[in-house]
Every structure is written in structure tokens, then in C-alpha cells.
PDB file of N, CA and C in Angstrom:
ATOM      1  N   MET A   1       3.469   2.999  -5.276  1.00  0.00           N
ATOM      2  CA  MET A   1       3.957   4.275  -4.732  1.00  0.00           C
ATOM      3  C   MET A   1       3.122   4.604  -3.494  1.00  0.00           C
ATOM      4  N   ALA A   2       3.799   5.059  -2.517  1.00  0.00           N
ATOM      5  CA  ALA A   2       3.234   5.386  -1.249  1.00  0.00           C
ATOM      6  C   ALA A   2       2.526   6.731  -1.390  1.00  0.00           C
ATOM      7  N   THR A   3       1.244   6.810  -0.831  1.00  0.00           N
ATOM      8  CA  THR A   3       0.366   7.873  -0.679  1.00  0.00           C
ATOM      9  C   THR A   3      -0.027   8.246   0.677  1.00  0.00           C
ATOM     10  N   THR A   4      -0.638   9.391   0.825  1.00  0.00           N
ATOM     11  CA  THR A   4      -1.031   9.804   2.127  1.00  0.00           C
ATOM     12  C   THR A   4      -1.831   8.707   2.912  1.00  0.00           C
ATOM     13  N   HIS A   5      -1.541   8.439   4.128  1.00  0.00           N
ATOM     14  CA  HIS A   5      -2.178   7.550   4.979  1.00  0.00           C
ATOM     15  C   HIS A   5      -1.766   6.095   4.783  1.00  0.00           C
ATOM     16  N   ASP A   6      -0.838   5.900   3.812  1.00  0.00           N
ATOM     17  CA  ASP A   6      -0.241   4.552   3.677  1.00  0.00           C
ATOM     18  C   ASP A   6       0.605   4.161   4.772  1.00  0.00           C
ATOM     19  N   LEU A   7       0.621   2.812   5.010  1.00  0.00           N
ATOM     20  CA  LEU A   7       1.632   2.254   6.153  1.00  0.00           C
ATOM     21  C   LEU A   7       2.736   1.761   5.289  1.00  0.00           C
ATOM     22  N   VAL A   8       3.968   2.175   5.740  1.00  0.00           N
ATOM     23  CA  VAL A   8       5.213   1.813   5.064  1.00  0.00           C
ATOM     24  C   VAL A   8       6.206   1.157   5.928  1.00  0.00           C
ATOM     25  N   LEU A   9       7.046   0.327   5.356  1.00  0.00           N
ATOM     26  CA  LEU A   9       8.104  -0.317   6.220  1.00  0.00           C
ATOM     27  C   LEU A   9       9.340   0.318   5.712  1.00  0.00           C
ATOM     28  N   ILE A  10      10.181   0.912   6.585  1.00  0.00           N
ATOM     29  CA  ILE A  10      11.469   1.531   6.169  1.00  0.00           C
ATOM     30  C   ILE A  10      12.526   0.557   6.500  1.00  0.00           C
ATOM     31  N   HIS A  11      13.276   0.153   5.469  1.00  0.00           N
ATOM     32  CA  HIS A  11      14.404  -0.704   5.533  1.00  0.00           C
ATOM     33  C   HIS A  11      15.728   0.126   5.818  1.00  0.00           C
ATOM     34  N   VAL A  12      16.467  -0.279   6.812  1.00  0.00           N
ATOM     35  CA  VAL A  12      17.563   0.389   7.162  1.00  0.00           C
ATOM     36  C   VAL A  12      18.765  -0.575   7.095  1.00  0.00           C
ATOM     37  N   ASP A  13      19.802  -0.255   6.307  1.00  0.00           N
ATOM     38  CA  ASP A  13      20.897  -1.237   6.012  1.00  0.00           C
ATOM     39  C   ASP A  13      20.465  -2.519   5.570  1.00  0.00           C
ATOM     40  N   ASN A  14      19.524  -2.387   4.584  1.00  0.00           N
ATOM     41  CA  ASN A  14      18.871  -3.608   3.834  1.00  0.00           C
ATOM     42  C   ASN A  14      18.214  -4.620   4.829  1.00  0.00           C
ATOM     43  N   LYS A  15      17.710  -4.133   5.976  1.00  0.00           N
ATOM     44  CA  LYS A  15      17.019  -4.942   6.911  1.00  0.00           C
ATOM     45  C   LYS A  15      15.776  -4.155   7.323  1.00  0.00           C
ATOM     46  N   PRO A  16      14.604  -4.717   7.573  1.00  0.00           N
ATOM     47  CA  PRO A  16      13.507  -4.130   8.144  1.00  0.00           C
ATOM     48  C   PRO A  16      13.873  -3.382   9.412  1.00  0.00           C
ATOM     49  N   GLY A  17      13.446  -1.996   9.325  1.00  0.00           N
ATOM     50  CA  GLY A  17      13.861  -1.058  10.552  1.00  0.00           C
ATOM     51  C   GLY A  17      12.644  -0.656  11.355  1.00  0.00           C
ATOM     52  N   PHE A  18      11.767  -0.096  10.694  1.00  0.00           N
ATOM     53  CA  PHE A  18      10.584   0.418  11.362  1.00  0.00           C
ATOM     54  C   PHE A  18       9.397   0.783  10.521  1.00  0.00           C
ATOM     55  N   TYR A  19       8.218   0.693  11.145  1.00  0.00           N
ATOM     56  CA  TYR A  19       6.975   0.979  10.348  1.00  0.00           C
ATOM     57  C   TYR A  19       6.701   2.644  10.525  1.00  0.00           C
ATOM     58  N   ALA A  20       6.032   3.157   9.494  1.00  0.00           N
ATOM     59  CA  ALA A  20       5.623   4.554   9.642  1.00  0.00           C
ATOM     60  C   ALA A  20       4.343   4.707   8.811  1.00  0.00           C
ATOM     61  N   ARG A  21       3.620   5.702   9.151  1.00  0.00           N
ATOM     62  CA  ARG A  21       2.440   6.070   8.299  1.00  0.00           C
ATOM     63  C   ARG A  21       2.757   7.413   7.600  1.00  0.00           C
ATOM     64  N   VAL A  22       2.453   7.483   6.325  1.00  0.00           N
ATOM     65  CA  VAL A  22       2.677   8.697   5.543  1.00  0.00           C
ATOM     66  C   VAL A  22       1.630   9.577   5.954  1.00  0.00           C
ATOM     67  N   GLU A  23       1.998  10.750   6.519  1.00  0.00           N
ATOM     68  CA  GLU A  23       1.025  11.711   6.918  1.00  0.00           C
ATOM     69  C   GLU A  23       0.745  12.773   5.858  1.00  0.00           C
ATOM     70  N   GLU A  24       1.660  13.143   5.071  1.00  0.00           N
ATOM     71  CA  GLU A  24       1.478  14.241   4.120  1.00  0.00           C
ATOM     72  C   GLU A  24       2.653  14.058   3.047  1.00  0.00           C
ATOM     73  N   ILE A  25       2.337  14.395   1.788  1.00  0.00           N
ATOM     74  CA  ILE A  25       3.249  14.495   0.875  1.00  0.00           C
ATOM     75  C   ILE A  25       3.018  15.839   0.057  1.00  0.00           C
ATOM     76  N   ILE A  26       3.943  16.794   0.122  1.00  0.00           N
ATOM     77  CA  ILE A  26       3.807  18.019  -0.502  1.00  0.00           C
ATOM     78  C   ILE A  26       5.038  18.284  -1.350  1.00  0.00           C
ATOM     79  N   PRO A  27       4.828  19.092  -2.546  1.00  0.00           N
ATOM     80  CA  PRO A  27       6.001  19.483  -3.361  1.00  0.00           C
ATOM     81  C   PRO A  27       7.003  20.158  -2.540  1.00  0.00           C
ATOM     82  N   ASP A  28       8.214  19.814  -2.859  1.00  0.00           N
ATOM     83  CA  ASP A  28       9.404  20.600  -2.336  1.00  0.00           C
ATOM     84  C   ASP A  28       9.763  21.673  -3.309  1.00  0.00           C
ATOM     85  N   VAL A  29      10.565  22.611  -2.834  1.00  0.00           N
ATOM     86  CA  VAL A  29      10.917  23.747  -3.699  1.00  0.00           C
ATOM     87  C   VAL A  29      11.716  23.242  -4.907  1.00  0.00           C
ATOM     88  N   LYS A  30      12.370  22.173  -4.785  1.00  0.00           N
ATOM     89  CA  LYS A  30      13.158  21.610  -5.856  1.00  0.00           C
ATOM     90  C   LYS A  30      12.269  20.802  -6.725  1.00  0.00           C
ATOM     91  N   PRO A  31      12.083  21.082  -7.989  1.00  0.00           N
ATOM     92  CA  PRO A  31      11.205  20.327  -8.884  1.00  0.00           C
ATOM     93  C   PRO A  31      11.539  18.833  -8.845  1.00  0.00           C
ATOM     94  N   GLY A  32      10.456  18.044  -8.842  1.00  0.00           N
ATOM     95  CA  GLY A  32      10.538  16.479  -8.851  1.00  0.00           C
ATOM     96  C   GLY A  32      10.886  15.991  -7.510  1.00  0.00           C
ATOM     97  N   TRP A  33      10.899  16.760  -6.497  1.00  0.00           N
ATOM     98  CA  TRP A  33      11.236  16.245  -5.155  1.00  0.00           C
ATOM     99  C   TRP A  33      10.002  16.575  -4.186  1.00  0.00           C
ATOM    100  N   TRP A  34       9.744  15.849  -3.235  1.00  0.00           N
ATOM    101  CA  TRP A  34       8.641  15.812  -2.376  1.00  0.00           C
ATOM    102  C   TRP A  34       9.059  15.884  -0.904  1.00  0.00           C
ATOM    103  N   GLN A  35       8.281  16.608  -0.014  1.00  0.00           N
ATOM    104  CA  GLN A  35       8.535  16.549   1.462  1.00  0.00           C
ATOM    105  C   GLN A  35       7.526  15.579   1.953  1.00  0.00           C
ATOM    106  N   VAL A  36       8.020  14.451   2.373  1.00  0.00           N
ATOM    107  CA  VAL A  36       7.273  13.380   2.942  1.00  0.00           C
ATOM    108  C   VAL A  36       7.258  13.315   4.394  1.00  0.00           C
ATOM    109  N   LYS A  37       6.069  13.631   5.022  1.00  0.00           N
ATOM    110  CA  LYS A  37       6.011  13.603   6.495  1.00  0.00           C
ATOM    111  C   LYS A  37       5.512  12.335   6.889  1.00  0.00           C
ATOM    112  N   LEU A  38       6.384  11.633   7.877  1.00  0.00           N
ATOM    113  CA  LEU A  38       6.175  10.236   8.279  1.00  0.00           C
ATOM    114  C   LEU A  38       5.854  10.325   9.759  1.00  0.00           C
ATOM    115  N   LEU A  39       4.794   9.583  10.187  1.00  0.00           N
ATOM    116  CA  LEU A  39       4.578   9.305  11.549  1.00  0.00           C
ATOM    117  C   LEU A  39       5.273   7.982  11.950  1.00  0.00           C
ATOM    118  N   VAL A  40       6.420   8.001  12.601  1.00  0.00           N
ATOM    119  CA  VAL A  40       7.220   6.885  12.924  1.00  0.00           C
ATOM    120  C   VAL A  40       6.471   6.155  14.058  1.00  0.00           C
ATOM    121  N   LEU A  41       6.200   4.808  13.811  1.00  0.00           N
ATOM    122  CA  LEU A  41       5.484   4.032  14.876  1.00  0.00           C
ATOM    123  C   LEU A  41       6.390   3.316  15.748  1.00  0.00           C
ATOM    124  N   THR A  42       7.015   4.120  16.552  1.00  0.00           N
ATOM    125  CA  THR A  42       7.887   3.729  17.662  1.00  0.00           C
ATOM    126  C   THR A  42       7.397   4.193  19.013  1.00  0.00           C
ATOM    127  N   PHE A  43       8.083   3.844  20.033  1.00  0.00           N
ATOM    128  CA  PHE A  43       7.656   4.350  21.344  1.00  0.00           C
ATOM    129  C   PHE A  43       8.903   5.257  21.935  1.00  0.00           C
ATOM    130  N   PRO A  44       8.707   6.540  22.050  1.00  0.00           N
ATOM    131  CA  PRO A  44       7.479   7.321  21.780  1.00  0.00           C
ATOM    132  C   PRO A  44       7.459   7.452  20.194  1.00  0.00           C
ATOM    133  N   MET A  45       6.278   7.777  19.724  1.00  0.00           N
ATOM    134  CA  MET A  45       6.127   8.047  18.274  1.00  0.00           C
ATOM    135  C   MET A  45       6.861   9.390  17.993  1.00  0.00           C
ATOM    136  N   GLN A  46       7.389   9.371  16.668  1.00  0.00           N
ATOM    137  CA  GLN A  46       8.104  10.568  16.187  1.00  0.00           C
ATOM    138  C   GLN A  46       7.527  10.968  14.845  1.00  0.00           C
ATOM    139  N   VAL A  47       7.829  12.182  14.477  1.00  0.00           N
ATOM    140  CA  VAL A  47       7.466  12.598  13.119  1.00  0.00           C
ATOM    141  C   VAL A  47       8.885  13.067  12.387  1.00  0.00           C
ATOM    142  N   PHE A  48       8.985  12.422  11.198  1.00  0.00           N
ATOM    143  CA  PHE A  48      10.073  12.781  10.397  1.00  0.00           C
ATOM    144  C   PHE A  48       9.579  13.432   9.094  1.00  0.00           C
ATOM    145  N   THR A  49      10.241  14.320   8.554  1.00  0.00           N
ATOM    146  CA  THR A  49      10.056  14.848   7.179  1.00  0.00           C
ATOM    147  C   THR A  49      11.213  14.571   6.386  1.00  0.00           C
ATOM    148  N   TRP A  50      11.066  13.755   5.383  1.00  0.00           N
ATOM    149  CA  TRP A  50      12.128  13.511   4.440  1.00  0.00           C
ATOM    150  C   TRP A  50      11.895  14.049   3.061  1.00  0.00           C
ATOM    151  N   ILE A  51      12.894  14.549   2.438  1.00  0.00           N
ATOM    152  CA  ILE A  51      12.690  15.064   1.083  1.00  0.00           C
ATOM    153  C   ILE A  51      13.208  13.940   0.064  1.00  0.00           C
ATOM    154  N   LEU A  52      12.228  13.479  -0.670  1.00  0.00           N
ATOM    155  CA  LEU A  52      12.508  12.235  -1.584  1.00  0.00           C
ATOM    156  C   LEU A  52      11.949  12.610  -2.997  1.00  0.00           C
ATOM    157  N   ASP A  53      12.589  11.920  -3.891  1.00  0.00           N
ATOM    158  CA  ASP A  53      12.041  12.073  -5.301  1.00  0.00           C
ATOM    159  C   ASP A  53      10.986  10.932  -5.550  1.00  0.00           C
ATOM    160  N   ASP A  54      10.431  11.051  -6.841  1.00  0.00           N
ATOM    161  CA  ASP A  54       9.407   9.986  -7.094  1.00  0.00           C
ATOM    162  C   ASP A  54       9.833   8.547  -7.011  1.00  0.00           C
ATOM    163  N   HIS A  55      11.082   8.289  -7.399  1.00  0.00           N
ATOM    164  CA  HIS A  55      11.607   6.887  -7.416  1.00  0.00           C
ATOM    165  C   HIS A  55      11.790   6.450  -6.010  1.00  0.00           C
ATOM    166  N   GLN A  56      12.249   7.338  -5.115  1.00  0.00           N
ATOM    167  CA  GLN A  56      12.349   6.943  -3.678  1.00  0.00           C
ATOM    168  C   GLN A  56      11.039   6.609  -3.061  1.00  0.00           C
ATOM    169  N   ILE A  57      10.123   7.442  -3.365  1.00  0.00           N
ATOM    170  CA  ILE A  57       8.731   7.146  -2.828  1.00  0.00           C
ATOM    171  C   ILE A  57       8.082   5.942  -3.413  1.00  0.00           C
ATOM    172  N   GLU A  58       8.527   5.422  -4.622  1.00  0.00           N
ATOM    173  CA  GLU A  58       8.107   4.227  -5.192  1.00  0.00           C
ATOM    174  C   GLU A  58       8.857   2.986  -4.717  1.00  0.00           C
ATOM    175  N   GLY A  59       9.878   3.214  -3.919  1.00  0.00           N
ATOM    176  CA  GLY A  59      10.546   2.139  -3.268  1.00  0.00           C
ATOM    177  C   GLY A  59      11.987   1.944  -3.683  1.00  0.00           C
ATOM    178  N   ALA A  60      12.544   2.871  -4.476  1.00  0.00           N
ATOM    179  CA  ALA A  60      14.007   2.791  -4.789  1.00  0.00           C
ATOM    180  C   ALA A  60      14.859   3.071  -3.639  1.00  0.00           C
ATOM    181  N   ASP A  61      16.114   2.355  -3.712  1.00  0.00           N
ATOM    182  CA  ASP A  61      16.973   2.587  -2.603  1.00  0.00           C
ATOM    183  C   ASP A  61      17.535   4.062  -2.609  1.00  0.00           C
ATOM    184  N   PHE A  62      17.935   4.478  -1.385  1.00  0.00           N
ATOM    185  CA  PHE A  62      18.580   5.814  -1.292  1.00  0.00           C
ATOM    186  C   PHE A  62      19.411   5.780  -0.029  1.00  0.00           C
ATOM    187  N   THR A  63      20.174   6.836   0.167  1.00  0.00           N
ATOM    188  CA  THR A  63      20.916   6.894   1.459  1.00  0.00           C
ATOM    189  C   THR A  63      20.733   8.193   2.111  1.00  0.00           C
ATOM    190  N   MET A  64      20.843   8.152   3.436  1.00  0.00           N
ATOM    191  CA  MET A  64      20.834   9.389   4.205  1.00  0.00           C
ATOM    192  C   MET A  64      22.071   9.283   5.180  1.00  0.00           C
ATOM    193  N   GLY A  65      22.906  10.216   5.150  1.00  0.00           N
ATOM    194  CA  GLY A  65      24.153  10.176   6.001  1.00  0.00           C
ATOM    195  C   GLY A  65      24.940   8.871   5.695  1.00  0.00           C
ATOM    196  N   GLY A  66      24.852   8.331   4.530  1.00  0.00           N
ATOM    197  CA  GLY A  66      25.581   7.170   4.146  1.00  0.00           C
ATOM    198  C   GLY A  66      24.905   5.883   4.601  1.00  0.00           C
ATOM    199  N   THR A  67      23.759   5.896   5.174  1.00  0.00           N
ATOM    200  CA  THR A  67      22.981   4.787   5.531  1.00  0.00           C
ATOM    201  C   THR A  67      22.032   4.330   4.425  1.00  0.00           C
ATOM    202  N   PRO A  68      22.117   3.213   3.934  1.00  0.00           N
ATOM    203  CA  PRO A  68      21.063   2.714   2.948  1.00  0.00           C
ATOM    204  C   PRO A  68      19.668   2.617   3.556  1.00  0.00           C
ATOM    205  N   LEU A  69      18.699   3.228   2.789  1.00  0.00           N
ATOM    206  CA  LEU A  69      17.361   3.149   3.128  1.00  0.00           C
ATOM    207  C   LEU A  69      16.458   2.847   1.965  1.00  0.00           C
ATOM    208  N   ARG A  70      15.190   2.305   2.323  1.00  0.00           N
ATOM    209  CA  ARG A  70      14.310   1.999   1.279  1.00  0.00           C
ATOM    210  C   ARG A  70      12.927   2.058   1.960  1.00  0.00           C
ATOM    211  N   MET A  71      11.926   2.636   1.235  1.00  0.00           N
ATOM    212  CA  MET A  71      10.608   2.659   1.787  1.00  0.00           C
ATOM    213  C   MET A  71       9.763   1.720   0.939  1.00  0.00           C
ATOM    214  N   GLU A  72       9.034   0.810   1.736  1.00  0.00           N
ATOM    215  CA  GLU A  72       8.130  -0.184   1.004  1.00  0.00           C
ATOM    216  C   GLU A  72       6.735  -0.149   1.531  1.00  0.00           C
ATOM    217  N   ASN A  73       5.822  -0.163   0.681  1.00  0.00           N
ATOM    218  CA  ASN A  73       4.351  -0.095   1.037  1.00  0.00           C
ATOM    219  C   ASN A  73       4.057  -1.324   1.737  1.00  0.00           C
ATOM    220  N   VAL A  74       3.275  -1.300   2.756  1.00  0.00           N
ATOM    221  CA  VAL A  74       2.735  -2.568   3.441  1.00  0.00           C
ATOM    222  C   VAL A  74       1.272  -2.583   3.212  1.00  0.00           C
ATOM    223  N   ILE A  75       0.882  -3.850   2.794  1.00  0.00           N
ATOM    224  CA  ILE A  75      -0.459  -4.071   2.578  1.00  0.00           C
ATOM    225  C   ILE A  75      -1.099  -5.031   3.644  1.00  0.00           C
ATOM    226  N   SER A  76      -2.192  -4.660   4.222  1.00  0.00           N
ATOM    227  CA  SER A  76      -2.708  -5.374   5.340  1.00  0.00           C
ATOM    228  C   SER A  76      -3.170  -6.793   4.807  1.00  0.00           C
ATOM    229  N   PRO A  77      -2.947  -7.842   5.676  1.00  0.00           N
ATOM    230  CA  PRO A  77      -3.421  -9.210   5.230  1.00  0.00           C
ATOM    231  C   PRO A  77      -4.866  -9.185   4.961  1.00  0.00           C
ATOM    232  N   VAL A  78      -5.640  -8.390   5.686  1.00  0.00           N
ATOM    233  CA  VAL A  78      -7.100  -8.376   5.418  1.00  0.00           C
ATOM    234  C   VAL A  78      -7.361  -7.837   3.970  1.00  0.00           C
ATOM    235  N   GLU A  79      -6.606  -6.794   3.621  1.00  0.00           N
ATOM    236  CA  GLU A  79      -6.783  -6.220   2.283  1.00  0.00           C
ATOM    237  C   GLU A  79      -6.359  -7.228   1.166  1.00  0.00           C
ATOM    238  N   THR A  80      -5.210  -7.918   1.448  1.00  0.00           N
ATOM    239  CA  THR A  80      -4.799  -8.891   0.509  1.00  0.00           C
ATOM    240  C   THR A  80      -5.805 -10.054   0.247  1.00  0.00           C
ATOM    241  N   GLU A  81      -6.410 -10.464   1.349  1.00  0.00           N
ATOM    242  CA  GLU A  81      -7.415 -11.570   1.140  1.00  0.00           C
ATOM    243  C   GLU A  81      -8.610 -11.027   0.471  1.00  0.00           C
ATOM    244  N   ARG A  82      -9.045  -9.809   0.637  1.00  0.00           N
ATOM    245  CA  ARG A  82     -10.175  -9.282  -0.079  1.00  0.00           C
ATOM    246  C   ARG A  82      -9.885  -9.141  -1.547  1.00  0.00           C
ATOM    247  N   ILE A  83      -8.657  -8.670  -1.870  1.00  0.00           N
ATOM    248  CA  ILE A  83      -8.249  -8.587  -3.287  1.00  0.00           C
ATOM    249  C   ILE A  83      -8.273  -9.957  -3.881  1.00  0.00           C
ATOM    250  N   GLU A  84      -7.736 -11.026  -3.221  1.00  0.00           N
ATOM    251  CA  GLU A  84      -7.730 -12.344  -3.776  1.00  0.00           C
ATOM    252  C   GLU A  84      -9.085 -12.868  -4.046  1.00  0.00           C
ATOM    253  N   LYS A  85      -9.983 -12.695  -3.164  1.00  0.00           N
ATOM    254  CA  LYS A  85     -11.417 -13.146  -3.306  1.00  0.00           C
ATOM    255  C   LYS A  85     -12.014 -12.458  -4.490  1.00  0.00           C
ATOM    256  N   GLU A  86     -11.855 -11.111  -4.616  1.00  0.00           N
ATOM    257  CA  GLU A  86     -12.356 -10.455  -5.809  1.00  0.00           C
ATOM    258  C   GLU A  86     -11.829 -10.983  -7.067  1.00  0.00           C
ATOM    259  N   GLU A  87     -10.554 -11.200  -7.234  1.00  0.00           N
ATOM    260  CA  GLU A  87      -9.925 -11.688  -8.383  1.00  0.00           C
ATOM    261  C   GLU A  87     -10.490 -13.049  -8.659  1.00  0.00           C
ATOM    262  N   ALA A  88     -10.590 -13.894  -7.643  1.00  0.00           N
ATOM    263  CA  ALA A  88     -11.061 -15.306  -7.877  1.00  0.00           C
ATOM    264  C   ALA A  88     -12.474 -15.307  -8.443  1.00  0.00           C
ATOM    265  N   GLU A  89     -13.368 -14.395  -7.947  1.00  0.00           N
ATOM    266  CA  GLU A  89     -14.718 -14.259  -8.367  1.00  0.00           C
ATOM    267  C   GLU A  89     -14.730 -13.784  -9.812  1.00  0.00           C
ATOM    268  N   LYS A  90     -13.900 -12.782 -10.177  1.00  0.00           N
ATOM    269  CA  LYS A  90     -13.904 -12.288 -11.446  1.00  0.00           C
ATOM    270  C   LYS A  90     -13.428 -13.420 -12.506  1.00  0.00           C
ATOM    271  N   ALA A  91     -12.451 -14.095 -12.040  1.00  0.00           N
ATOM    272  CA  ALA A  91     -11.952 -15.207 -12.913  1.00  0.00           C
ATOM    273  C   ALA A  91     -13.072 -16.329 -13.083  1.00  0.00           C
ATOM    274  N   ARG A  92     -13.890 -16.560 -12.073  1.00  0.00           N
ATOM    275  CA  ARG A  92     -14.961 -17.515 -12.116  1.00  0.00           C
ATOM    276  C   ARG A  92     -16.057 -17.047 -13.138  1.00  0.00           C
ATOM    277  N   ILE A  93     -16.246 -15.770 -13.006  1.00  0.00           N
ATOM    278  CA  ILE A  93     -17.349 -15.267 -13.854  1.00  0.00           C
ATOM    279  C   ILE A  93     -16.885 -15.285 -15.339  1.00  0.00           C
ATOM    280  N   GLN A  94     -15.579 -14.860 -15.530  1.00  0.00           N
ATOM    281  CA  GLN A  94     -15.046 -14.868 -16.947  1.00  0.00           C
ATOM    282  C   GLN A  94     -15.072 -16.271 -17.420  1.00  0.00           C
ATOM    283  N   LYS A  95     -14.698 -17.224 -16.654  1.00  0.00           N
ATOM    284  CA  LYS A  95     -14.721 -18.650 -17.105  1.00  0.00           C
ATOM    285  C   LYS A  95     -16.108 -19.188 -17.468  1.00  0.00           C
ATOM    286  N   ALA A  96     -17.142 -18.693 -16.752  1.00  0.00           N
ATOM    287  CA  ALA A  96     -18.429 -19.068 -17.043  1.00  0.00           C
ATOM    288  C   ALA A  96     -18.961 -18.482 -18.337  1.00  0.00           C
ATOM    289  N   ARG A  97     -18.550 -17.184 -18.536  1.00  0.00           N
ATOM    290  CA  ARG A  97     -19.010 -16.519 -19.789  1.00  0.00           C
ATOM    291  C   ARG A  97     -18.207 -17.260 -20.993  1.00  0.00           C
ATOM    292  N   GLN A  98     -17.013 -17.534 -20.937  1.00  0.00           N
ATOM    293  CA  GLN A  98     -16.288 -18.281 -21.993  1.00  0.00           C
ATOM    294  C   GLN A  98     -16.820 -19.637 -22.354  1.00  0.00           C
ATOM    295  N   GLU A  99     -17.497 -20.280 -21.311  1.00  0.00           N
ATOM    296  CA  GLU A  99     -18.033 -21.563 -21.600  1.00  0.00           C
ATOM    297  C   GLU A  99     -19.466 -21.447 -22.047  1.00  0.00           C
ATOM    298  N   GLY A 100     -19.950 -20.193 -22.343  1.00  0.00           N
ATOM    299  CA  GLY A 100     -21.252 -20.024 -22.936  1.00  0.00           C
ATOM    300  C   GLY A 100     -22.385 -19.811 -21.953  1.00  0.00           C
ATOM    301  N   GLY A 101     -22.139 -20.003 -20.675  1.00  0.00           N
ATOM    302  CA  GLY A 101     -23.106 -19.796 -19.691  1.00  0.00           C
ATOM    303  C   GLY A 101     -23.093 -18.392 -19.020  1.00  0.00           C
ATOM    304  N   THR A 102     -24.103 -18.211 -18.287  1.00  0.00           N
ATOM    305  CA  THR A 102     -24.036 -16.904 -17.523  1.00  0.00           C
ATOM    306  C   THR A 102     -23.952 -17.329 -16.004  1.00  0.00           C
ATOM    307  N   PRO A 103     -23.102 -16.614 -15.211  1.00  0.00           N
ATOM    308  CA  PRO A 103     -22.922 -16.931 -13.857  1.00  0.00           C
ATOM    309  C   PRO A 103     -24.341 -16.809 -13.156  1.00  0.00           C
ATOM    310  N   LYS A 104     -24.623 -17.700 -12.254  1.00  0.00           N
ATOM    311  CA  LYS A 104     -25.875 -17.505 -11.439  1.00  0.00           C
ATOM    312  C   LYS A 104     -25.579 -16.777 -10.201  1.00  0.00           C
ATOM    313  N   VAL A 105     -26.481 -15.788  -9.906  1.00  0.00           N
ATOM    314  CA  VAL A 105     -26.383 -15.031  -8.726  1.00  0.00           C
ATOM    315  C   VAL A 105     -27.646 -15.388  -7.799  1.00  0.00           C
ATOM    316  N   ILE A 106     -27.215 -15.812  -6.587  1.00  0.00           N
ATOM    317  CA  ILE A 106     -28.211 -16.118  -5.681  1.00  0.00           C
ATOM    318  C   ILE A 106     -28.108 -15.171  -4.594  1.00  0.00           C
ATOM    319  N   SER A 107     -29.212 -14.420  -4.458  1.00  0.00           N
ATOM    320  CA  SER A 107     -29.268 -13.472  -3.390  1.00  0.00           C
ATOM    321  C   SER A 107     -29.764 -13.962  -2.028  1.00  0.00           C
ATOM    322  N   LEU A 108     -28.900 -13.749  -1.047  1.00  0.00           N
ATOM    323  CA  LEU A 108     -29.253 -14.312   0.274  1.00  0.00           C
ATOM    324  C   LEU A 108     -30.341 -13.358   0.932  1.00  0.00           C
ATOM    325  N   SER A 109     -30.297 -12.113   0.549  1.00  0.00           N
ATOM    326  CA  SER A 109     -31.067 -11.092   1.168  1.00  0.00           C
ATOM    327  C   SER A 109     -32.527 -11.209   0.760  1.00  0.00           C
ATOM    328  N   ASP A 110     -32.809 -11.922  -0.400  1.00  0.00           N
ATOM    329  CA  ASP A 110     -34.173 -12.087  -0.893  1.00  0.00           C
ATOM    330  C   ASP A 110     -34.875 -13.226  -0.401  1.00  0.00           C
ATOM    331  N   ARG A 111     -34.253 -14.154   0.426  1.00  0.00           N
ATOM    332  CA  ARG A 111     -34.847 -15.381   0.928  1.00  0.00           C
ATOM    333  C   ARG A 111     -35.959 -14.951   1.920  1.00  0.00           C
ATOM    334  N   ARG A 112     -37.101 -15.575   1.694  1.00  0.00           N
ATOM    335  CA  ARG A 112     -38.219 -15.266   2.457  1.00  0.00           C
ATOM    336  C   ARG A 112     -38.555 -16.475   3.311  1.00  0.00           C
ATOM    337  N   LYS A 113     -38.979 -16.186   4.471  1.00  0.00           N
ATOM    338  CA  LYS A 113     -39.468 -17.280   5.303  1.00  0.00           C
ATOM    339  C   LYS A 113     -40.893 -17.708   4.800  1.00  0.00           C
ATOM    340  N   LYS A 114     -41.051 -19.040   4.726  1.00  0.00           N
ATOM    341  CA  LYS A 114     -42.337 -19.437   4.321  1.00  0.00           C
ATOM    342  C   LYS A 114     -43.078 -20.215   5.436  1.00  0.00           C
TER     343      LYS A 114
END
């Protein structure tokens, strides 16, 4: 689900259309709907406010003026790499514990020059 300050890709007619940053999500007067303010990353930049429901914010297809649209969260490759490293480290620690050992931690900051 997109939240404030997330980067999203807006698909238009089932093709990637443009990137935007979610600036604000506030409740609409209609229950279950939200006013989603988007900073559209085009030249020049524009600000759109769309009224969407929870499913649409989570990435469900919807239409505006008969045009199919979809909002997809974008995750930075840097963030993806960080998450993969964390998961690999957790898996390594869990495997070491299952094998009856305890993982060894070597601190590089405690190394002293002799």
C-alpha cells in the first residue's frame, strides 16, 4: 500500500506512464475513500489530487474518464539490496542455530593496532 512520501509508478492503459511521489493522503468526505495528493515527476512538475479507495491505493486497477489506471509502489534498488542482505544474514544465523552452534560475531571496530 502506498503511503506518504512513497514513490509510485502510474500505469496508463496498462503501460508504465509516469512516476509520482505521494505527498499526502487524507480522508475524503465519502467513507472508505481518500484524497491522494501526488507530485507528478514530469517537466514541469505537476500536482494531482485523486480520490481513491483502499484497494486502488493498494494497486488495484481503476479508471478515470474511461482510461485504465493503476498505481504501483516503486522500491529503490538500493533498498531491495539492503533487504536481501538482511534476509540472507537472518537465514545464516537461523541455520547456525539449527545446527547447534551459535553464530560468531567479529567486530571490526574493536580491532586494535598492536
